[in-house]
Amino acid sequence: MEYLIQRAKNGDPDAFTELMQSHMQTMYKTARSILRSDEDAADAIQDTILCCWEKIVQLRENKYFKTWMTRILINKCKDLLKSKNEYLLDDRFYEVAVSSREFDNIEWKETLNTLDEKYRLVIILYYVEGFKTGEISQILDIPESTVRTRLARGREKMSVIYQIDREGRATS
């Protein structure tokens, strides 16, 4: 990966394309957790790729590429939200025939979508994307202690919401 990053910094478009393709799924998951639609997520990713191409020479340490790229993506998502003046929560629920495991995943996503963005984003970066608290701190430009606090509070809120939802279904 370091070699690809260095080649991209030297202006190699093929290396940059390969680098971006290797991070596409991560970018999509992150963008989709912030934005309401696939189209908006695609726009944010496109803006991120362009920005990364234009500014990759400014990346100081190659090992922080993913953190740097994710921070750019989050800022592009927030810019898009401001320009569209949209709410952060996705209030659409889909009716789909699913297995028990898929149902649990849908429940988890719906529960996650009820959280404030500050908790949801930290939880997704930590649990879904696998960033460490220090990396999340750098991406969001907040103290690491704040990341740990948001993780704990987000887990607590999800637990309460999930429990209420489960109890509501059990009594219905």
Protein backbone atom coordinates (compact mmCIF):
# COMPACT_ATOMS: atom_id res chain seq x y z
CA MET A 1 0.00 0.00 0.00
CA GLU A 2 2.87 2.38 0.86
CA TYR A 3 4.31 1.84 -2.60
CA LEU A 4 0.98 2.69 -4.26
CA ILE A 5 0.65 5.84 -2.17
CA GLN A 6 4.16 6.95 -3.08
CA ARG A 7 3.54 6.31 -6.77
CA ALA A 8 0.28 8.28 -6.56
CA LYS A 9 2.14 11.15 -4.86
CA ASN A 10 4.57 11.10 -7.77
CA GLY A 11 1.65 11.66 -10.17
CA ASP A 12 0.96 8.10 -11.34
CA PRO A 13 -2.76 8.07 -12.25
CA ASP A 14 -2.93 4.24 -12.41
CA ALA A 15 -1.55 3.92 -8.89
CA PHE A 16 -3.99 6.56 -7.65
CA THR A 17 -6.91 4.78 -9.32
CA GLU A 18 -5.91 1.46 -7.75
CA LEU A 19 -5.52 3.16 -4.37
CA MET A 20 -8.96 4.73 -4.55
CA GLN A 21 -10.57 1.49 -5.71
CA SER A 22 -9.08 -0.35 -2.75
CA HIS A 23 -10.77 2.15 -0.40
CA MET A 24 -14.09 2.48 -2.25
CA GLN A 25 -16.10 0.25 0.08
CA THR A 26 -14.79 2.06 3.16
CA MET A 27 -15.64 5.42 1.61
CA TYR A 28 -19.13 4.28 0.67
CA LYS A 29 -19.92 2.94 4.16
CA THR A 30 -18.67 6.12 5.78
CA ALA A 31 -20.46 8.46 3.38
CA ARG A 32 -23.70 6.48 3.55
CA SER A 33 -23.65 6.61 7.35
CA ILE A 34 -23.71 10.40 7.17
CA LEU A 35 -25.81 11.07 4.08
CA ARG A 36 -29.39 10.13 3.24
CA SER A 37 -29.01 8.64 -0.21
CA ASP A 38 -26.72 6.62 -2.40
CA GLU A 39 -26.60 9.50 -4.88
CA ASP A 40 -25.38 11.95 -2.23
CA ALA A 41 -22.83 9.39 -1.02
CA ALA A 42 -21.59 8.98 -4.61
CA ASP A 43 -21.28 12.77 -4.99
CA ALA A 44 -19.30 13.04 -1.75
CA ILE A 45 -17.02 10.18 -2.81
CA GLN A 46 -16.46 11.76 -6.21
CA ASP A 47 -15.55 15.09 -4.57
CA THR A 48 -13.24 13.26 -2.17
CA ILE A 49 -11.43 11.44 -4.96
CA LEU A 50 -10.89 14.70 -6.84
CA CYS A 51 -9.67 16.46 -3.71
CA CYS A 52 -7.32 13.58 -2.85
CA TRP A 53 -5.88 13.63 -6.37
CA GLU A 54 -5.29 17.37 -6.21
CA LYS A 55 -3.79 17.35 -2.72
CA ILE A 56 -2.07 13.98 -2.33
CA VAL A 57 1.34 15.63 -2.52
CA GLN A 58 0.42 17.44 0.72
CA LEU A 59 0.09 14.12 2.59
CA ARG A 60 3.04 14.14 4.99
CA GLU A 61 3.15 10.50 6.06
CA ASN A 62 1.97 7.75 3.73
CA LYS A 63 0.87 5.53 6.63
CA TYR A 64 -1.89 8.04 7.45
CA PHE A 65 -3.41 7.99 3.98
CA LYS A 66 -6.65 6.26 5.03
CA THR A 67 -7.12 8.64 7.97
CA TRP A 68 -6.42 11.65 5.74
CA MET A 69 -8.79 10.44 3.02
CA THR A 70 -11.56 9.65 5.52
CA ARG A 71 -11.29 13.11 7.04
CA ILE A 72 -11.64 14.68 3.60
CA LEU A 73 -14.66 12.46 2.91
CA ILE A 74 -16.38 13.43 6.16
CA ASN A 75 -15.83 17.11 5.40
CA LYS A 76 -17.25 16.65 1.88
CA CYS A 77 -20.30 14.90 3.36
CA LYS A 78 -20.85 17.74 5.80
CA ASP A 79 -20.46 20.30 3.01
CA LEU A 80 -23.06 18.45 0.97
CA LEU A 81 -25.46 18.39 3.91
CA LYS A 82 -25.03 22.11 4.47
CA SER A 83 -25.64 22.85 0.82
CA LYS A 84 -28.80 20.73 0.78
CA ASN A 85 -29.88 21.74 4.27
CA GLU A 86 -30.90 18.17 5.03
CA TYR A 87 -31.34 16.26 8.24
CA LEU A 88 -28.83 13.58 9.13
CA LEU A 89 -31.18 10.76 10.00
CA ASP A 90 -32.57 8.44 7.39
CA ASP A 91 -36.23 7.99 8.25
CA ARG A 92 -36.96 5.53 5.48
CA PHE A 93 -37.54 1.93 6.52
CA TYR A 94 -37.67 -0.84 3.99
CA GLU A 95 -39.89 -3.90 4.10
CA VAL A 96 -37.85 -6.85 2.92
CA ALA A 97 -38.04 -10.58 3.40
CA VAL A 98 -34.91 -11.38 5.38
CA SER A 99 -33.34 -14.15 7.39
CA SER A 100 -32.94 -13.84 11.14
CA ARG A 101 -29.32 -12.70 10.81
CA GLU A 102 -30.24 -10.10 8.18
CA PHE A 103 -33.09 -8.92 10.39
CA ASP A 104 -30.67 -8.37 13.28
CA ASN A 105 -28.47 -6.35 10.91
CA ILE A 106 -31.43 -4.21 9.82
CA GLU A 107 -32.41 -3.71 13.46
CA TRP A 108 -28.85 -2.64 14.25
CA LYS A 109 -28.82 -0.15 11.37
CA GLU A 110 -32.20 1.29 12.36
CA THR A 111 -31.05 1.63 15.95
CA LEU A 112 -27.82 3.26 14.78
CA ASN A 113 -29.77 5.73 12.64
CA THR A 114 -31.63 7.02 15.70
CA LEU A 115 -28.39 8.28 17.27
CA ASP A 116 -27.05 11.82 16.93
CA GLU A 117 -24.43 12.08 14.20
CA LYS A 118 -21.61 12.61 16.70
CA TYR A 119 -22.28 9.19 18.26
CA ARG A 120 -23.21 7.39 15.04
CA LEU A 121 -20.11 8.52 13.18
CA VAL A 122 -17.71 7.50 15.96
CA ILE A 123 -19.39 4.09 16.31
CA ILE A 124 -19.22 3.44 12.56
CA LEU A 125 -15.60 4.53 12.29
CA TYR A 126 -14.68 2.33 15.25
CA TYR A 127 -16.78 -0.80 14.75
CA VAL A 128 -17.43 -0.89 11.01
CA GLU A 129 -14.28 0.72 9.60
CA GLY A 130 -11.91 -0.54 12.29
CA PHE A 131 -10.22 2.75 13.12
CA LYS A 132 -8.57 3.06 16.52
CA THR A 133 -9.68 5.83 18.89
CA GLY A 134 -6.49 7.79 18.16
CA GLU A 135 -7.14 7.67 14.42
CA ILE A 136 -10.77 8.73 14.90
CA SER A 137 -9.50 11.60 17.02
CA GLN A 138 -7.33 12.75 14.10
CA ILE A 139 -10.07 12.27 11.50
CA LEU A 140 -12.66 14.25 13.45
CA ASP A 141 -10.15 16.68 14.97
CA ILE A 142 -11.38 16.06 18.52
CA PRO A 143 -9.53 14.82 21.62
CA GLU A 144 -9.15 11.05 21.97
CA SER A 145 -10.93 11.21 25.33
CA THR A 146 -13.95 12.70 23.53
CA VAL A 147 -13.90 9.79 21.08
CA ARG A 148 -13.90 7.29 23.95
CA THR A 149 -16.72 9.18 25.68
CA ARG A 150 -18.82 9.28 22.50
CA LEU A 151 -18.23 5.56 21.96
CA ALA A 152 -19.38 4.78 25.49
CA ARG A 153 -22.42 7.07 25.31
CA GLY A 154 -23.32 5.85 21.84
CA ARG A 155 -23.19 2.22 22.98
CA GLU A 156 -25.29 3.12 26.02
CA LYS A 157 -27.90 4.94 23.93
CA MET A 158 -28.05 2.10 21.41
CA SER A 159 -28.49 -0.40 24.21
CA VAL A 160 -31.40 1.57 25.69
CA ILE A 161 -33.05 2.08 22.29
CA TYR A 162 -32.56 -1.55 21.31
CA GLN A 163 -33.95 -2.79 24.64
CA ILE A 164 -37.04 -0.56 24.43
CA ASP A 165 -37.62 -1.72 20.86
CA ARG A 166 -37.27 -5.38 21.85
CA GLU A 167 -39.63 -4.97 24.81
CA GLY A 168 -42.16 -3.14 22.62
CA ARG A 169 -42.15 -5.97 20.10
CA ALA A 170 -42.39 -8.63 22.79
CA THR A 171 -45.55 -7.11 24.26
CA SER A 172 -47.24 -6.36 20.92
